[in-house]
Protein backbone atom coordinates (compact mmCIF):
# COMPACT_ATOMS: atom_id res chain seq x y z
CA MET A 1 -17.60 -32.96 -9.07
CA THR A 2 -16.16 -29.44 -8.94
CA VAL A 3 -13.15 -28.63 -6.82
CA GLN A 4 -12.73 -25.03 -5.78
CA ILE A 5 -9.32 -23.79 -4.74
CA LEU A 6 -9.22 -20.71 -2.57
CA LEU A 7 -5.93 -18.86 -2.70
CA LEU A 8 -5.27 -16.92 0.45
CA MET A 9 -2.84 -14.08 0.40
CA ASP A 10 -0.77 -13.78 3.54
CA PHE A 11 0.03 -10.46 5.12
CA LYS A 12 1.93 -9.46 8.21
CA ILE A 13 0.01 -6.72 10.03
CA ASP A 14 1.60 -4.29 12.50
CA THR A 15 -0.82 -1.77 13.97
CA LYS A 16 0.58 1.46 15.44
CA ASP A 17 -1.24 4.42 17.00
CA THR A 18 -1.66 6.45 13.81
CA PHE A 19 -1.00 3.94 11.02
CA THR A 20 -0.92 0.26 10.10
CA ILE A 21 1.94 -1.48 8.33
CA ILE A 22 0.82 -4.21 5.95
CA THR A 23 3.57 -6.46 4.63
CA PRO A 24 2.57 -8.82 1.81
CA LEU A 25 4.39 -12.13 2.18
CA ASN A 26 4.15 -12.92 -1.54
CA GLU A 27 7.11 -12.54 -3.86
CA VAL A 28 5.07 -11.39 -6.86
CA ILE A 29 2.86 -8.33 -7.11
CA ASP A 30 0.07 -9.48 -9.41
CA ALA A 31 -3.68 -8.94 -9.77
CA LYS A 32 -4.47 -11.53 -7.08
CA MET A 33 -2.11 -9.87 -4.62
CA THR A 34 -3.36 -6.34 -5.30
CA GLY A 35 -6.96 -7.52 -5.00
CA ALA A 36 -6.22 -9.22 -1.69
CA LEU A 37 -4.34 -6.13 -0.50
CA GLY A 38 -7.31 -3.93 -1.34
CA ALA A 39 -9.63 -6.27 0.57
CA LYS A 40 -7.25 -6.31 3.55
CA CYS A 41 -7.08 -2.49 3.61
CA GLU A 42 -10.88 -2.27 3.52
CA GLU A 43 -11.11 -4.84 6.33
CA MET A 44 -8.61 -2.84 8.38
CA ARG A 45 -10.51 0.43 7.73
CA GLN A 46 -13.67 -1.23 9.03
CA SER A 47 -11.82 -2.09 12.24
CA GLY A 48 -10.55 1.47 12.73
CA SER A 49 -7.21 1.62 10.88
CA ASN A 50 -7.03 4.64 8.61
CA ASN A 51 -3.48 5.23 7.39
CA PHE A 52 -1.40 2.52 5.74
CA ILE A 53 2.21 1.78 4.96
CA ILE A 54 2.58 -1.10 2.53
CA ASP A 55 5.98 -2.72 3.08
CA LEU A 56 7.08 -4.38 -0.16
CA GLU A 57 10.28 -5.89 1.23
CA ASN A 58 9.21 -9.47 0.40
CA CYS A 59 8.04 -8.67 -3.12
CA LYS A 60 10.64 -9.51 -5.76
CA THR A 61 8.79 -8.95 -9.04
CA ILE A 62 5.72 -7.15 -10.38
CA ASP A 63 3.32 -7.72 -13.22
CA LYS A 64 3.60 -4.32 -14.91
CA THR A 65 -0.15 -4.27 -15.53
CA CYS A 66 -0.59 -4.02 -11.74
CA VAL A 67 1.11 -0.65 -11.36
CA SER A 68 -2.22 1.08 -12.02
CA GLU A 69 -3.84 -1.14 -9.38
CA LEU A 70 -1.27 -0.01 -6.81
CA ILE A 71 -2.09 3.59 -7.66
CA ALA A 72 -5.82 2.88 -7.40
CA LEU A 73 -5.34 1.38 -3.92
CA GLN A 74 -3.53 4.53 -2.85
CA GLY A 75 -6.26 6.66 -4.46
CA VAL A 76 -8.99 5.02 -2.37
CA SER A 77 -7.26 6.20 0.80
CA TYR A 78 -6.57 9.69 -0.50
CA ASP A 79 -10.19 10.03 -1.64
CA MET A 80 -11.16 9.39 1.99
CA ASP A 81 -8.58 11.96 3.22
CA LEU A 82 -6.33 9.22 4.61
CA SER A 83 -2.67 8.40 4.04
CA PHE A 84 -1.16 5.52 2.07
CA VAL A 85 2.54 4.93 1.35
CA TYR A 86 4.49 2.10 -0.27
CA THR A 87 7.99 1.41 1.01
CA LYS A 88 11.01 -0.84 0.49
CA ALA A 89 10.32 -1.56 -3.18
CA ASN A 90 13.31 -3.23 -4.81
CA ASP A 91 14.96 -1.90 -7.98
CA GLU A 92 12.84 -4.05 -10.32
CA ILE A 93 9.55 -2.84 -8.83
CA THR A 94 10.71 0.78 -8.69
CA LYS A 95 11.82 0.56 -12.34
CA ALA A 96 8.44 -0.90 -13.38
CA ILE A 97 6.68 2.03 -11.71
CA ARG A 98 9.03 4.53 -13.36
CA ASP A 99 8.64 2.84 -16.75
CA GLU A 100 4.90 3.41 -16.52
CA ASP A 101 5.58 7.12 -15.74
CA GLU A 102 3.69 6.71 -12.48
CA ASP A 103 6.48 7.52 -10.05
CA PHE A 104 5.14 11.07 -9.60
CA ILE A 105 1.67 9.81 -8.72
CA ILE A 106 2.45 6.94 -6.39
CA ASN A 107 3.62 7.58 -2.84
CA LEU A 108 6.82 5.50 -2.74
CA ALA A 109 9.35 5.88 0.08
CA PRO A 110 12.67 4.04 -0.12
CA ARG A 111 12.85 3.34 3.63
CA MET A 112 10.40 2.70 6.45
CA ASP A 113 11.44 5.78 8.43
CA GLU A 114 10.67 7.95 5.39
CA ALA A 115 7.26 6.29 4.98
CA ILE A 116 6.49 7.01 8.64
CA ASP A 117 7.58 10.63 8.13
CA ILE A 118 5.22 10.99 5.15
CA ILE A 119 2.30 9.59 7.15
CA SER A 120 3.11 11.87 10.10
CA MET A 121 3.38 14.97 7.91
CA GLU A 122 0.11 14.22 6.13
CA ILE A 123 -1.69 13.72 9.45
CA LEU A 124 -0.25 17.02 10.70
CA GLU A 125 -1.30 18.82 7.50
CA ARG A 126 -4.86 17.48 7.77
CA ASP A 127 -5.03 18.55 11.42
CA LEU A 128 -3.78 22.05 10.59
CA PHE A 129 -6.16 22.50 7.64
CA ASN A 130 -9.12 21.22 9.66
CA GLU A 131 -8.45 23.83 12.39
CA GLU A 132 -8.86 26.71 9.94
């Protein structure tokens, strides 16, 4: 007899007019969490959400091998001309990203209001460039 255990990743979802805030409820950013986050973003895109803020306030630690996965998740949105910002990363997570020399690639805002500003500015830029 085989027993299969399905691990579900929990997220808090807050949908606004121009963006969706996804807050992982897990304390560790690992491959399972980033995979589930990618699936959740894709699910949300299918239902009409296009721009994402990932609120990392509950995340305490990160598997350093997952920094590239966070960047890849952001890249999927930018490849589709959409916005994607991480916010509220603690010092340990921010240091892990800096240690991998990825802090210039990843869109990381210290506070929620700054993340919202980034999303708003990127939407405005896309609108202006599409008018020309």
